[in-house]
PDB file of N, CA and C in Angstrom:
ATOM      1  N   UNK A   1      -4.384  -2.434  19.715  1.00  0.00           N
ATOM      2  CA  UNK A   1      -6.353  -1.778  19.801  1.00  0.00           C
ATOM      3  C   UNK A   1      -7.071  -2.667  19.620  1.00  0.00           C
ATOM      4  N   UNK A   2      -7.761  -2.004  20.712  1.00  0.00           N
ATOM      5  CA  UNK A   2      -8.842  -3.072  20.493  1.00  0.00           C
ATOM      6  C   UNK A   2      -9.828  -3.044  20.016  1.00  0.00           C
ATOM      7  N   UNK A   3     -10.511  -4.446  19.414  1.00  0.00           N
ATOM      8  CA  UNK A   3     -11.777  -4.678  18.173  1.00  0.00           C
ATOM      9  C   UNK A   3     -10.929  -4.934  16.827  1.00  0.00           C
ATOM     10  N   UNK A   4     -11.857  -4.717  16.187  1.00  0.00           N
ATOM     11  CA  UNK A   4     -11.060  -4.605  14.336  1.00  0.00           C
ATOM     12  C   UNK A   4     -11.203  -2.901  14.070  1.00  0.00           C
ATOM     13  N   UNK A   5     -10.437  -3.205  12.949  1.00  0.00           N
ATOM     14  CA  UNK A   5     -10.658  -1.629  12.517  1.00  0.00           C
ATOM     15  C   UNK A   5     -11.175  -1.884  10.855  1.00  0.00           C
ATOM     16  N   UNK A   6     -12.108  -1.366  10.826  1.00  0.00           N
ATOM     17  CA  UNK A   6     -12.692  -0.804   9.416  1.00  0.00           C
ATOM     18  C   UNK A   6     -11.941  -1.101   8.587  1.00  0.00           C
ATOM     19  N   UNK A   7     -12.354  -1.327   7.117  1.00  0.00           N
ATOM     20  CA  UNK A   7     -10.816  -1.285   6.348  1.00  0.00           C
ATOM     21  C   UNK A   7     -11.920  -0.274   5.248  1.00  0.00           C
ATOM     22  N   UNK A   8     -10.607   0.823   4.662  1.00  0.00           N
ATOM     23  CA  UNK A   8     -11.378   1.037   3.142  1.00  0.00           C
ATOM     24  C   UNK A   8     -10.394   1.225   2.667  1.00  0.00           C
ATOM     25  N   UNK A   9     -10.709   1.119   0.874  1.00  0.00           N
ATOM     26  CA  UNK A   9      -9.955   1.264  -0.056  1.00  0.00           C
ATOM     27  C   UNK A   9      -9.967   2.457  -0.946  1.00  0.00           C
ATOM     28  N   UNK A  10      -9.240   3.357  -0.991  1.00  0.00           N
ATOM     29  CA  UNK A  10      -8.484   4.360  -1.556  1.00  0.00           C
ATOM     30  C   UNK A  10      -8.547   4.258  -3.372  1.00  0.00           C
ATOM     31  N   UNK A  11      -9.456   4.787  -3.807  1.00  0.00           N
ATOM     32  CA  UNK A  11      -9.268   5.394  -5.564  1.00  0.00           C
ATOM     33  C   UNK A  11      -8.160   5.237  -5.736  1.00  0.00           C
ATOM     34  N   UNK A  12      -6.894   5.666  -4.972  1.00  0.00           N
ATOM     35  CA  UNK A  12      -5.481   4.713  -5.617  1.00  0.00           C
ATOM     36  C   UNK A  12      -4.980   4.145  -5.473  1.00  0.00           C
ATOM     37  N   UNK A  13      -5.772   3.077  -4.373  1.00  0.00           N
ATOM     38  CA  UNK A  13      -5.405   1.616  -4.366  1.00  0.00           C
ATOM     39  C   UNK A  13      -6.234   0.792  -5.328  1.00  0.00           C
ATOM     40  N   UNK A  14      -7.100   0.928  -5.960  1.00  0.00           N
ATOM     41  CA  UNK A  14      -8.164   0.231  -7.345  1.00  0.00           C
ATOM     42  C   UNK A  14      -6.657   0.458  -8.554  1.00  0.00           C
ATOM     43  N   UNK A  15      -6.463   2.118  -8.918  1.00  0.00           N
ATOM     44  CA  UNK A  15      -6.014   2.135 -10.014  1.00  0.00           C
ATOM     45  C   UNK A  15      -4.698   1.043  -9.625  1.00  0.00           C
ATOM     46  N   UNK A  16      -3.969   1.224  -8.308  1.00  0.00           N
ATOM     47  CA  UNK A  16      -3.021   0.237  -8.382  1.00  0.00           C
ATOM     48  C   UNK A  16      -3.346  -1.301  -9.018  1.00  0.00           C
ATOM     49  N   UNK A  17      -4.290  -1.257  -8.431  1.00  0.00           N
ATOM     50  CA  UNK A  17      -4.908  -2.786  -8.611  1.00  0.00           C
ATOM     51  C   UNK A  17      -4.829  -2.919 -10.538  1.00  0.00           C
ATOM     52  N   UNK A  18      -5.493  -1.790 -10.973  1.00  0.00           N
ATOM     53  CA  UNK A  18      -5.924  -2.110 -12.475  1.00  0.00           C
ATOM     54  C   UNK A  18      -4.468  -1.710 -13.158  1.00  0.00           C
ATOM     55  N   UNK A  19      -3.005  -0.910 -12.620  1.00  0.00           N
ATOM     56  CA  UNK A  19      -2.097  -0.748 -13.228  1.00  0.00           C
ATOM     57  C   UNK A  19      -1.569  -2.739 -13.160  1.00  0.00           C
ATOM     58  N   UNK A  20      -1.563  -3.114 -12.052  1.00  0.00           N
ATOM     59  CA  UNK A  20      -0.817  -4.211 -11.730  1.00  0.00           C
ATOM     60  C   UNK A  20      -1.309  -5.504 -12.590  1.00  0.00           C
ATOM     61  N   UNK A  21      -2.840  -5.742 -12.659  1.00  0.00           N
ATOM     62  CA  UNK A  21      -3.162  -6.844 -13.799  1.00  0.00           C
ATOM     63  C   UNK A  21      -2.787  -6.309 -15.282  1.00  0.00           C
ATOM     64  N   UNK A  22      -2.508  -5.190 -15.287  1.00  0.00           N
ATOM     65  CA  UNK A  22      -2.051  -5.363 -16.955  1.00  0.00           C
ATOM     66  C   UNK A  22      -0.947  -5.525 -16.775  1.00  0.00           C
ATOM     67  N   UNK A  23      -0.325  -4.950 -16.332  1.00  0.00           N
ATOM     68  CA  UNK A  23       1.943  -4.988 -15.596  1.00  0.00           C
ATOM     69  C   UNK A  23       1.846  -6.618 -16.065  1.00  0.00           C
ATOM     70  N   UNK A  24       0.575  -7.271 -14.971  1.00  0.00           N
ATOM     71  CA  UNK A  24       1.328  -8.794 -15.227  1.00  0.00           C
ATOM     72  C   UNK A  24       0.680  -9.635 -16.695  1.00  0.00           C
ATOM     73  N   UNK A  25      -0.136  -8.429 -17.312  1.00  0.00           N
ATOM     74  CA  UNK A  25      -0.660  -9.067 -18.355  1.00  0.00           C
ATOM     75  C   UNK A  25      -1.326 -10.220 -18.291  1.00  0.00           C
ATOM     76  N   UNK A  26      -1.804 -11.117 -19.955  1.00  0.00           N
ATOM     77  CA  UNK A  26      -2.704 -12.297 -19.332  1.00  0.00           C
ATOM     78  C   UNK A  26      -2.486 -13.403 -18.895  1.00  0.00           C
ATOM     79  N   UNK A  27      -1.108 -13.259 -19.196  1.00  0.00           N
ATOM     80  CA  UNK A  27      -0.313 -14.700 -18.802  1.00  0.00           C
ATOM     81  C   UNK A  27      -0.623 -14.979 -17.117  1.00  0.00           C
ATOM     82  N   UNK A  28      -0.882 -13.798 -16.401  1.00  0.00           N
ATOM     83  CA  UNK A  28      -0.791 -13.249 -15.322  1.00  0.00           C
ATOM     84  C   UNK A  28      -1.547 -12.954 -14.524  1.00  0.00           C
ATOM     85  N   UNK A  29      -3.106 -13.533 -16.085  1.00  0.00           N
ATOM     86  CA  UNK A  29      -4.038 -13.572 -14.687  1.00  0.00           C
ATOM     87  C   UNK A  29      -4.400 -14.893 -13.396  1.00  0.00           C
ATOM     88  N   UNK A  30      -4.012 -16.069 -13.387  1.00  0.00           N
ATOM     89  CA  UNK A  30      -3.922 -16.786 -12.368  1.00  0.00           C
ATOM     90  C   UNK A  30      -3.537 -16.357 -10.816  1.00  0.00           C
ATOM     91  N   UNK A  31      -2.140 -15.226 -11.532  1.00  0.00           N
ATOM     92  CA  UNK A  31      -1.524 -14.138 -10.004  1.00  0.00           C
ATOM     93  C   UNK A  31      -2.011 -13.429  -9.643  1.00  0.00           C
ATOM     94  N   UNK A  32      -3.076 -12.644 -10.451  1.00  0.00           N
ATOM     95  CA  UNK A  32      -3.011 -11.103 -10.048  1.00  0.00           C
ATOM     96  C   UNK A  32      -4.931 -11.844  -9.427  1.00  0.00           C
ATOM     97  N   UNK A  33      -5.738 -13.123  -9.850  1.00  0.00           N
ATOM     98  CA  UNK A  33      -6.541 -13.716  -8.693  1.00  0.00           C
ATOM     99  C   UNK A  33      -6.300 -14.270  -7.542  1.00  0.00           C
ATOM    100  N   UNK A  34      -4.899 -14.493  -7.830  1.00  0.00           N
ATOM    101  CA  UNK A  34      -3.775 -15.041  -6.625  1.00  0.00           C
ATOM    102  C   UNK A  34      -4.123 -13.551  -5.343  1.00  0.00           C
ATOM    103  N   UNK A  35      -3.498 -12.956  -5.954  1.00  0.00           N
ATOM    104  CA  UNK A  35      -3.218 -11.394  -5.529  1.00  0.00           C
ATOM    105  C   UNK A  35      -4.837 -11.257  -4.248  1.00  0.00           C
ATOM    106  N   UNK A  36      -5.744 -10.955  -5.315  1.00  0.00           N
ATOM    107  CA  UNK A  36      -6.698 -10.863  -4.952  1.00  0.00           C
ATOM    108  C   UNK A  36      -7.280 -11.494  -3.738  1.00  0.00           C
ATOM    109  N   UNK A  37      -7.260 -13.152  -3.993  1.00  0.00           N
ATOM    110  CA  UNK A  37      -7.889 -13.474  -2.756  1.00  0.00           C
ATOM    111  C   UNK A  37      -6.816 -13.228  -1.477  1.00  0.00           C
ATOM    112  N   UNK A  38      -5.615 -13.177  -1.684  1.00  0.00           N
ATOM    113  CA  UNK A  38      -4.538 -12.874  -0.579  1.00  0.00           C
ATOM    114  C   UNK A  38      -5.432 -11.867   0.473  1.00  0.00           C
ATOM    115  N   UNK A  39      -5.330 -10.572  -0.545  1.00  0.00           N
ATOM    116  CA  UNK A  39      -5.340  -9.521  -0.195  1.00  0.00           C
ATOM    117  C   UNK A  39      -6.724  -9.256   0.892  1.00  0.00           C
ATOM    118  N   UNK A  40      -7.802 -10.070   0.385  1.00  0.00           N
ATOM    119  CA  UNK A  40      -9.392 -10.488   0.448  1.00  0.00           C
ATOM    120  C   UNK A  40      -9.218 -10.885   1.512  1.00  0.00           C
ATOM    121  N   UNK A  41      -9.176 -12.156   1.638  1.00  0.00           N
ATOM    122  CA  UNK A  41      -8.903 -13.261   2.295  1.00  0.00           C
ATOM    123  C   UNK A  41      -7.973 -13.479   3.635  1.00  0.00           C
ATOM    124  N   UNK A  42      -7.223 -12.909   3.498  1.00  0.00           N
ATOM    125  CA  UNK A  42      -5.714 -13.029   4.223  1.00  0.00           C
ATOM    126  C   UNK A  42      -5.482 -12.047   5.115  1.00  0.00           C
ATOM    127  N   UNK A  43      -4.860 -10.892   4.041  1.00  0.00           N
ATOM    128  CA  UNK A  43      -4.488  -9.258   4.514  1.00  0.00           C
ATOM    129  C   UNK A  43      -5.534  -9.312   4.996  1.00  0.00           C
ATOM    130  N   UNK A  44      -6.231  -8.878   4.558  1.00  0.00           N
ATOM    131  CA  UNK A  44      -7.889  -7.687   5.215  1.00  0.00           C
ATOM    132  C   UNK A  44      -8.212  -7.842   6.333  1.00  0.00           C
ATOM    133  N   UNK A  45      -8.621  -9.457   6.452  1.00  0.00           N
ATOM    134  CA  UNK A  45      -8.991  -9.796   7.692  1.00  0.00           C
ATOM    135  C   UNK A  45      -7.541  -9.531   9.080  1.00  0.00           C
ATOM    136  N   UNK A  46      -6.373 -10.073   8.389  1.00  0.00           N
ATOM    137  CA  UNK A  46      -4.934  -9.827   9.527  1.00  0.00           C
ATOM    138  C   UNK A  46      -5.112  -8.740  10.006  1.00  0.00           C
ATOM    139  N   UNK A  47      -5.335  -8.287   8.876  1.00  0.00           N
ATOM    140  CA  UNK A  47      -4.572  -6.090   9.500  1.00  0.00           C
ATOM    141  C   UNK A  47      -5.535  -5.360   9.989  1.00  0.00           C
ATOM    142  N   UNK A  48      -6.773  -5.997  10.306  1.00  0.00           N
ATOM    143  CA  UNK A  48      -8.533  -5.688  10.687  1.00  0.00           C
ATOM    144  C   UNK A  48      -7.992  -6.260  12.280  1.00  0.00           C
ATOM    145  N   UNK A  49      -7.927  -7.015  12.295  1.00  0.00           N
ATOM    146  CA  UNK A  49      -7.513  -7.352  13.885  1.00  0.00           C
ATOM    147  C   UNK A  49      -6.071  -6.671  14.456  1.00  0.00           C
ATOM    148  N   UNK A  50      -5.046  -7.035  13.279  1.00  0.00           N
ATOM    149  CA  UNK A  50      -3.737  -6.174  14.342  1.00  0.00           C
ATOM    150  C   UNK A  50      -3.182  -5.245  12.873  1.00  0.00           C
ATOM    151  N   UNK A  51      -3.772  -3.753  13.712  1.00  0.00           N
ATOM    152  CA  UNK A  51      -3.284  -3.160  11.991  1.00  0.00           C
ATOM    153  C   UNK A  51      -1.705  -2.470  12.301  1.00  0.00           C
ATOM    154  N   UNK A  52      -1.314  -3.028  13.396  1.00  0.00           N
ATOM    155  CA  UNK A  52      -0.383  -2.412  13.107  1.00  0.00           C
ATOM    156  C   UNK A  52       1.048  -3.362  13.169  1.00  0.00           C
ATOM    157  N   UNK A  53       0.357  -4.761  12.237  1.00  0.00           N
ATOM    158  CA  UNK A  53       1.402  -5.475  11.864  1.00  0.00           C
ATOM    159  C   UNK A  53       2.527  -5.306  10.530  1.00  0.00           C
ATOM    160  N   UNK A  54       2.034  -4.344  10.217  1.00  0.00           N
ATOM    161  CA  UNK A  54       2.923  -3.824   8.991  1.00  0.00           C
ATOM    162  C   UNK A  54       4.308  -2.857   9.826  1.00  0.00           C
ATOM    163  N   UNK A  55       5.199  -2.797   8.984  1.00  0.00           N
ATOM    164  CA  UNK A  55       6.494  -1.781   9.358  1.00  0.00           C
ATOM    165  C   UNK A  55       5.968  -0.401   9.271  1.00  0.00           C
ATOM    166  N   UNK A  56       6.544   0.720  10.183  1.00  0.00           N
ATOM    167  CA  UNK A  56       6.448   1.892   9.559  1.00  0.00           C
ATOM    168  C   UNK A  56       6.814   1.983   8.621  1.00  0.00           C
ATOM    169  N   UNK A  57       6.459   2.821   8.239  1.00  0.00           N
ATOM    170  CA  UNK A  57       6.626   3.653   6.863  1.00  0.00           C
ATOM    171  C   UNK A  57       7.813   4.982   7.123  1.00  0.00           C
ATOM    172  N   UNK A  58       7.613   5.351   7.980  1.00  0.00           N
ATOM    173  CA  UNK A  58       7.938   6.855   8.104  1.00  0.00           C
ATOM    174  C   UNK A  58       9.512   6.397   8.956  1.00  0.00           C
ATOM    175  N   UNK A  59       9.948   4.929   8.927  1.00  0.00           N
ATOM    176  CA  UNK A  59      10.962   5.081  10.018  1.00  0.00           C
ATOM    177  C   UNK A  59      11.996   4.409   8.414  1.00  0.00           C
ATOM    178  N   UNK A  60      11.734   4.318   7.537  1.00  0.00           N
ATOM    179  CA  UNK A  60      12.797   4.500   6.745  1.00  0.00           C
ATOM    180  C   UNK A  60      13.937   5.017   6.528  1.00  0.00           C
ATOM    181  N   UNK A  61      15.387   4.270   6.297  1.00  0.00           N
ATOM    182  CA  UNK A  61      16.430   4.873   5.686  1.00  0.00           C
ATOM    183  C   UNK A  61      16.231   5.642   4.577  1.00  0.00           C
ATOM    184  N   UNK A  62      16.574   7.026   4.885  1.00  0.00           N
ATOM    185  CA  UNK A  62      16.406   7.568   3.185  1.00  0.00           C
ATOM    186  C   UNK A  62      17.361   8.039   2.770  1.00  0.00           C
ATOM    187  N   UNK A  63      18.104   7.651   1.323  1.00  0.00           N
ATOM    188  CA  UNK A  63      19.607   7.909   0.869  1.00  0.00           C
ATOM    189  C   UNK A  63      19.505   9.012   0.321  1.00  0.00           C
ATOM    190  N   UNK A  64      18.780  10.128   0.382  1.00  0.00           N
ATOM    191  CA  UNK A  64      18.991  11.275  -0.474  1.00  0.00           C
ATOM    192  C   UNK A  64      18.406  12.251   0.206  1.00  0.00           C
ATOM    193  N   UNK A  65      18.281  12.917  -0.811  1.00  0.00           N
ATOM    194  CA  UNK A  65      17.883  14.411  -0.052  1.00  0.00           C
ATOM    195  C   UNK A  65      16.232  14.712  -0.609  1.00  0.00           C
ATOM    196  N   UNK A  66      16.333  14.063  -1.943  1.00  0.00           N
ATOM    197  CA  UNK A  66      15.095  14.129  -2.489  1.00  0.00           C
ATOM    198  C   UNK A  66      13.527  13.455  -1.663  1.00  0.00           C
ATOM    199  N   UNK A  67      14.474  12.389  -1.624  1.00  0.00           N
ATOM    200  CA  UNK A  67      13.514  11.100  -0.273  1.00  0.00           C
ATOM    201  C   UNK A  67      13.205  12.197   0.654  1.00  0.00           C
ATOM    202  N   UNK A  68      14.161  12.570   1.665  1.00  0.00           N
ATOM    203  CA  UNK A  68      14.094  12.731   2.676  1.00  0.00           C
ATOM    204  C   UNK A  68      13.088  14.108   2.666  1.00  0.00           C
ATOM    205  N   UNK A  69      12.921  14.643   1.988  1.00  0.00           N
ATOM    206  CA  UNK A  69      12.035  16.160   1.156  1.00  0.00           C
ATOM    207  C   UNK A  69      10.892  15.153   0.900  1.00  0.00           C
ATOM    208  N   UNK A  70      10.925  14.350   0.601  1.00  0.00           N
ATOM    209  CA  UNK A  70       9.306  13.528  -0.061  1.00  0.00           C
ATOM    210  C   UNK A  70       8.739  12.994   1.245  1.00  0.00           C
ATOM    211  N   UNK A  71       9.526  12.337   2.088  1.00  0.00           N
ATOM    212  CA  UNK A  71       8.911  11.443   3.141  1.00  0.00           C
ATOM    213  C   UNK A  71       8.786  12.905   4.083  1.00  0.00           C
ATOM    214  N   UNK A  72       9.341  13.681   4.098  1.00  0.00           N
ATOM    215  CA  UNK A  72       8.771  14.992   4.895  1.00  0.00           C
ATOM    216  C   UNK A  72       7.663  15.522   5.064  1.00  0.00           C
ATOM    217  N   UNK A  73       7.575  15.529   3.593  1.00  0.00           N
ATOM    218  CA  UNK A  73       5.746  15.764   2.845  1.00  0.00           C
ATOM    219  C   UNK A  73       4.858  15.278   3.525  1.00  0.00           C
ATOM    220  N   UNK A  74       4.711  14.025   3.187  1.00  0.00           N
ATOM    221  CA  UNK A  74       4.348  12.526   3.855  1.00  0.00           C
ATOM    222  C   UNK A  74       3.807  13.448   5.454  1.00  0.00           C
ATOM    223  N   UNK A  75       5.380  13.357   5.895  1.00  0.00           N
ATOM    224  CA  UNK A  75       4.150  13.113   7.295  1.00  0.00           C
ATOM    225  C   UNK A  75       3.926  14.265   7.744  1.00  0.00           C
ATOM    226  N   UNK A  76       4.379  15.634   6.997  1.00  0.00           N
ATOM    227  CA  UNK A  76       3.098  16.858   7.608  1.00  0.00           C
ATOM    228  C   UNK A  76       1.603  16.775   7.065  1.00  0.00           C
ATOM    229  N   UNK A  77       1.557  15.511   6.392  1.00  0.00           N
ATOM    230  CA  UNK A  77       0.282  15.448   5.896  1.00  0.00           C
ATOM    231  C   UNK A  77      -0.602  14.468   6.533  1.00  0.00           C
ATOM    232  N   UNK A  78      -0.133  14.143   7.992  1.00  0.00           N
ATOM    233  CA  UNK A  78      -0.723  13.573   8.566  1.00  0.00           C
ATOM    234  C   UNK A  78      -1.151  14.237   9.200  1.00  0.00           C
ATOM    235  N   UNK A  79      -2.594  13.663  10.518  1.00  0.00           N
ATOM    236  CA  UNK A  79      -2.884  13.760  11.587  1.00  0.00           C
ATOM    237  C   UNK A  79      -2.044  13.287  12.441  1.00  0.00           C
ATOM    238  N   UNK A  80      -2.398  14.333  13.405  1.00  0.00           N
ATOM    239  CA  UNK A  80      -1.841  13.237  14.560  1.00  0.00           C
ATOM    240  C   UNK A  80      -2.541  12.116  15.340  1.00  0.00           C
ATOM    241  N   UNK A  81      -1.255  11.152  15.600  1.00  0.00           N
ATOM    242  CA  UNK A  81      -2.115   9.996  15.684  1.00  0.00           C
ATOM    243  C   UNK A  81      -2.257   8.738  14.817  1.00  0.00           C
ATOM    244  N   UNK A  82      -2.267   9.505  13.480  1.00  0.00           N
ATOM    245  CA  UNK A  82      -2.103   8.657  12.332  1.00  0.00           C
ATOM    246  C   UNK A  82      -0.791   7.487  12.338  1.00  0.00           C
ATOM    247  N   UNK A  83      -0.698   6.363  11.271  1.00  0.00           N
ATOM    248  CA  UNK A  83       0.487   5.401  11.152  1.00  0.00           C
ATOM    249  C   UNK A  83       0.668   4.783   9.761  1.00  0.00           C
ATOM    250  N   UNK A  84       1.597   5.238   9.203  1.00  0.00           N
ATOM    251  CA  UNK A  84       1.183   5.163   7.511  1.00  0.00           C
ATOM    252  C   UNK A  84       2.222   3.362   8.008  1.00  0.00           C
ATOM    253  N   UNK A  85       1.938   2.642   7.601  1.00  0.00           N
ATOM    254  CA  UNK A  85       2.784   1.630   7.584  1.00  0.00           C
ATOM    255  C   UNK A  85       2.636   0.659   5.978  1.00  0.00           C
ATOM    256  N   UNK A  86       3.212  -0.415   6.074  1.00  0.00           N
ATOM    257  CA  UNK A  86       3.641  -1.198   4.978  1.00  0.00           C
ATOM    258  C   UNK A  86       3.811  -3.080   4.973  1.00  0.00           C
ATOM    259  N   UNK A  87       2.894  -3.259   4.399  1.00  0.00           N
ATOM    260  CA  UNK A  87       2.870  -4.749   4.482  1.00  0.00           C
ATOM    261  C   UNK A  87       3.700  -5.597   3.119  1.00  0.00           C
ATOM    262  N   UNK A  88       4.192  -6.116   3.309  1.00  0.00           N
ATOM    263  CA  UNK A  88       4.738  -7.104   2.202  1.00  0.00           C
ATOM    264  C   UNK A  88       3.476  -8.458   2.200  1.00  0.00           C
ATOM    265  N   UNK A  89       3.157  -8.736   1.154  1.00  0.00           N
ATOM    266  CA  UNK A  89       2.469  -9.921   0.944  1.00  0.00           C
ATOM    267  C   UNK A  89       2.966 -10.725  -0.400  1.00  0.00           C
ATOM    268  N   UNK A  90       3.640 -11.517  -0.268  1.00  0.00           N
ATOM    269  CA  UNK A  90       4.325 -12.088  -1.720  1.00  0.00           C
ATOM    270  C   UNK A  90       4.869 -11.458  -2.364  1.00  0.00           C
ATOM    271  N   UNK A  91       5.001 -10.781  -3.841  1.00  0.00           N
ATOM    272  CA  UNK A  91       5.695  -9.946  -4.432  1.00  0.00           C
ATOM    273  C   UNK A  91       4.979  -8.368  -3.883  1.00  0.00           C
ATOM    274  N   UNK A  92       4.293  -8.561  -3.609  1.00  0.00           N
ATOM    275  CA  UNK A  92       3.342  -6.725  -3.543  1.00  0.00           C
ATOM    276  C   UNK A  92       3.730  -5.954  -2.370  1.00  0.00           C
ATOM    277  N   UNK A  93       4.026  -4.531  -2.300  1.00  0.00           N
ATOM    278  CA  UNK A  93       4.126  -4.057  -0.985  1.00  0.00           C
ATOM    279  C   UNK A  93       2.735  -3.434  -0.822  1.00  0.00           C
ATOM    280  N   UNK A  94       2.049  -3.129   0.129  1.00  0.00           N
ATOM    281  CA  UNK A  94       0.778  -2.917   0.386  1.00  0.00           C
ATOM    282  C   UNK A  94       1.163  -0.739   1.279  1.00  0.00           C
ATOM    283  N   UNK A  95       1.092  -0.206   0.815  1.00  0.00           N
ATOM    284  CA  UNK A  95       0.668   0.928   1.924  1.00  0.00           C
ATOM    285  C   UNK A  95      -0.797   1.099   2.105  1.00  0.00           C
ATOM    286  N   UNK A  96      -0.456   1.506   3.648  1.00  0.00           N
ATOM    287  CA  UNK A  96      -1.815   1.595   4.184  1.00  0.00           C
ATOM    288  C   UNK A  96      -1.912   2.375   5.575  1.00  0.00           C
ATOM    289  N   UNK A  97      -2.809   3.680   5.895  1.00  0.00           N
ATOM    290  CA  UNK A  97      -2.679   4.169   6.748  1.00  0.00           C
ATOM    291  C   UNK A  97      -3.790   3.891   8.340  1.00  0.00           C
ATOM    292  N   UNK A  98      -3.131   4.011   9.389  1.00  0.00           N
ATOM    293  CA  UNK A  98      -4.348   3.210  10.328  1.00  0.00           C
ATOM    294  C   UNK A  98      -4.567   4.317  10.819  1.00  0.00           C
ATOM    295  N   UNK A  99      -5.948   5.378  10.819  1.00  0.00           N
ATOM    296  CA  UNK A  99      -6.623   6.069  11.421  1.00  0.00           C
ATOM    297  C   UNK A  99      -7.743   5.722  12.786  1.00  0.00           C
ATOM    298  N   UNK A 100      -7.782   6.142  13.971  1.00  0.00           N
ATOM    299  CA  UNK A 100      -8.368   5.809  14.953  1.00  0.00           C
ATOM    300  C   UNK A 100      -8.861   4.287  14.589  1.00  0.00           C
ATOM    301  N   UNK A 101     -10.012   3.618  14.411  1.00  0.00           N
ATOM    302  CA  UNK A 101     -10.411   2.674  14.154  1.00  0.00           C
ATOM    303  C   UNK A 101     -10.766   2.767  12.875  1.00  0.00           C
ATOM    304  N   UNK A 102     -10.142   3.339  12.238  1.00  0.00           N
ATOM    305  CA  UNK A 102     -10.236   2.430  10.565  1.00  0.00           C
ATOM    306  C   UNK A 102      -8.298   2.608   9.811  1.00  0.00           C
ATOM    307  N   UNK A 103      -8.448   1.556   8.827  1.00  0.00           N
ATOM    308  CA  UNK A 103      -7.412   1.315   7.895  1.00  0.00           C
ATOM    309  C   UNK A 103      -7.669   1.467   6.892  1.00  0.00           C
ATOM    310  N   UNK A 104      -7.242   2.576   6.032  1.00  0.00           N
ATOM    311  CA  UNK A 104      -7.142   2.964   4.753  1.00  0.00           C
ATOM    312  C   UNK A 104      -5.946   2.496   3.720  1.00  0.00           C
ATOM    313  N   UNK A 105      -6.166   1.320   3.052  1.00  0.00           N
ATOM    314  CA  UNK A 105      -5.477   1.343   1.780  1.00  0.00           C
ATOM    315  C   UNK A 105      -5.338   1.873   0.850  1.00  0.00           C
ATOM    316  N   UNK A 106      -3.840   2.393   1.139  1.00  0.00           N
ATOM    317  CA  UNK A 106      -3.695   3.955   0.328  1.00  0.00           C
ATOM    318  C   UNK A 106      -3.035   3.566  -1.203  1.00  0.00           C
ATOM    319  N   UNK A 107      -1.838   2.135  -1.050  1.00  0.00           N
ATOM    320  CA  UNK A 107      -1.293   1.410  -2.854  1.00  0.00           C
ATOM    321  C   UNK A 107      -0.877   0.510  -2.575  1.00  0.00           C
ATOM    322  N   UNK A 108      -0.751  -0.097  -3.510  1.00  0.00           N
ATOM    323  CA  UNK A 108      -0.061  -1.506  -3.632  1.00  0.00           C
ATOM    324  C   UNK A 108       0.531  -1.725  -5.036  1.00  0.00           C
ATOM    325  N   UNK A 109       1.773  -1.887  -4.928  1.00  0.00           N
ATOM    326  CA  UNK A 109       2.787  -2.418  -6.046  1.00  0.00           C
ATOM    327  C   UNK A 109       3.515  -3.415  -6.073  1.00  0.00           C
ATOM    328  N   UNK A 110       3.812  -4.173  -7.166  1.00  0.00           N
ATOM    329  CA  UNK A 110       4.143  -5.366  -7.637  1.00  0.00           C
ATOM    330  C   UNK A 110       5.487  -5.013  -7.222  1.00  0.00           C
ATOM    331  N   UNK A 111       6.681  -5.522  -7.115  1.00  0.00           N
ATOM    332  CA  UNK A 111       8.393  -5.135  -6.618  1.00  0.00           C
ATOM    333  C   UNK A 111       8.296  -4.864  -7.763  1.00  0.00           C
ATOM    334  N   UNK A 112       8.504  -5.619  -8.985  1.00  0.00           N
ATOM    335  CA  UNK A 112       9.164  -5.243 -10.441  1.00  0.00           C
ATOM    336  C   UNK A 112       8.542  -4.081 -11.146  1.00  0.00           C
ATOM    337  N   UNK A 113       7.631  -3.341 -10.546  1.00  0.00           N
ATOM    338  CA  UNK A 113       6.970  -2.840 -11.328  1.00  0.00           C
ATOM    339  C   UNK A 113       7.933  -0.715 -11.028  1.00  0.00           C
ATOM    340  N   UNK A 114       7.909   0.327 -11.883  1.00  0.00           N
ATOM    341  CA  UNK A 114       8.252   0.915 -11.214  1.00  0.00           C
ATOM    342  C   UNK A 114       7.644   2.011  -9.903  1.00  0.00           C
ATOM    343  N   UNK A 115       8.499   2.481  -9.378  1.00  0.00           N
ATOM    344  CA  UNK A 115       7.524   3.515  -8.331  1.00  0.00           C
ATOM    345  C   UNK A 115       7.430   4.821  -8.502  1.00  0.00           C
ATOM    346  N   UNK A 116       7.064   5.311  -9.723  1.00  0.00           N
ATOM    347  CA  UNK A 116       7.153   6.366 -10.673  1.00  0.00           C
ATOM    348  C   UNK A 116       6.496   6.097 -11.411  1.00  0.00           C
ATOM    349  N   UNK A 117       4.941   7.436 -11.407  1.00  0.00           N
ATOM    350  CA  UNK A 117       4.328   7.447 -12.401  1.00  0.00           C
ATOM    351  C   UNK A 117       4.790   7.795 -13.214  1.00  0.00           C
ATOM    352  N   UNK A 118       5.469   7.689 -14.497  1.00  0.00           N
ATOM    353  CA  UNK A 118       6.619   8.113 -15.641  1.00  0.00           C
ATOM    354  C   UNK A 118       5.492   8.068 -17.087  1.00  0.00           C
ATOM    355  N   UNK A 119       4.222   7.668 -17.184  1.00  0.00           N
ATOM    356  CA  UNK A 119       3.214   7.793 -17.945  1.00  0.00           C
ATOM    357  C   UNK A 119       3.500   9.115 -18.714  1.00  0.00           C
ATOM    358  N   UNK A 120       3.180  10.072 -18.309  1.00  0.00           N
ATOM    359  CA  UNK A 120       2.908  11.524 -19.132  1.00  0.00           C
ATOM    360  C   UNK A 120       4.429  11.682 -19.474  1.00  0.00           C
ATOM    361  N   UNK A 121       5.208  11.127 -19.380  1.00  0.00           N
ATOM    362  CA  UNK A 121       6.605  11.674 -19.845  1.00  0.00           C
ATOM    363  C   UNK A 121       6.446  10.604 -21.728  1.00  0.00           C
ATOM    364  N   UNK A 122       6.240   9.679 -21.621  1.00  0.00           N
ATOM    365  CA  UNK A 122       6.120   8.602 -22.765  1.00  0.00           C
ATOM    366  C   UNK A 122       4.476   9.329 -23.621  1.00  0.00           C
ATOM    367  N   UNK A 123       3.552  10.435 -23.243  1.00  0.00           N
ATOM    368  CA  UNK A 123       2.035   9.973 -23.960  1.00  0.00           C
ATOM    369  C   UNK A 123       2.445  11.483 -25.081  1.00  0.00           C
TER     370      UNK A 123
END
């Protein structure tokens, strides 16, 4: 891809960052600041220049029928030419979408966080 991709951060990505900050708690404030530095000083510029650096999210092997159905739903929601990718940064997995000359940061999770939002079950 020639040139640089423009970077966009979705509302969901911002919510995920808030959840990570809460997950790390006060003791992890320096770890959270380090994450922000890595995202904005390292990963953003790298993916802007080389948006296909991450691995294809859709190439994952699914181990269950439920996961296969979810992956199929994700794939059907993509436009032709879209490329859903993931990149591991330290202890975090970043999910992003490459669409033409734009790169959308969709989600981020610490590897120890639950991948499902189960908050509604405990409220």
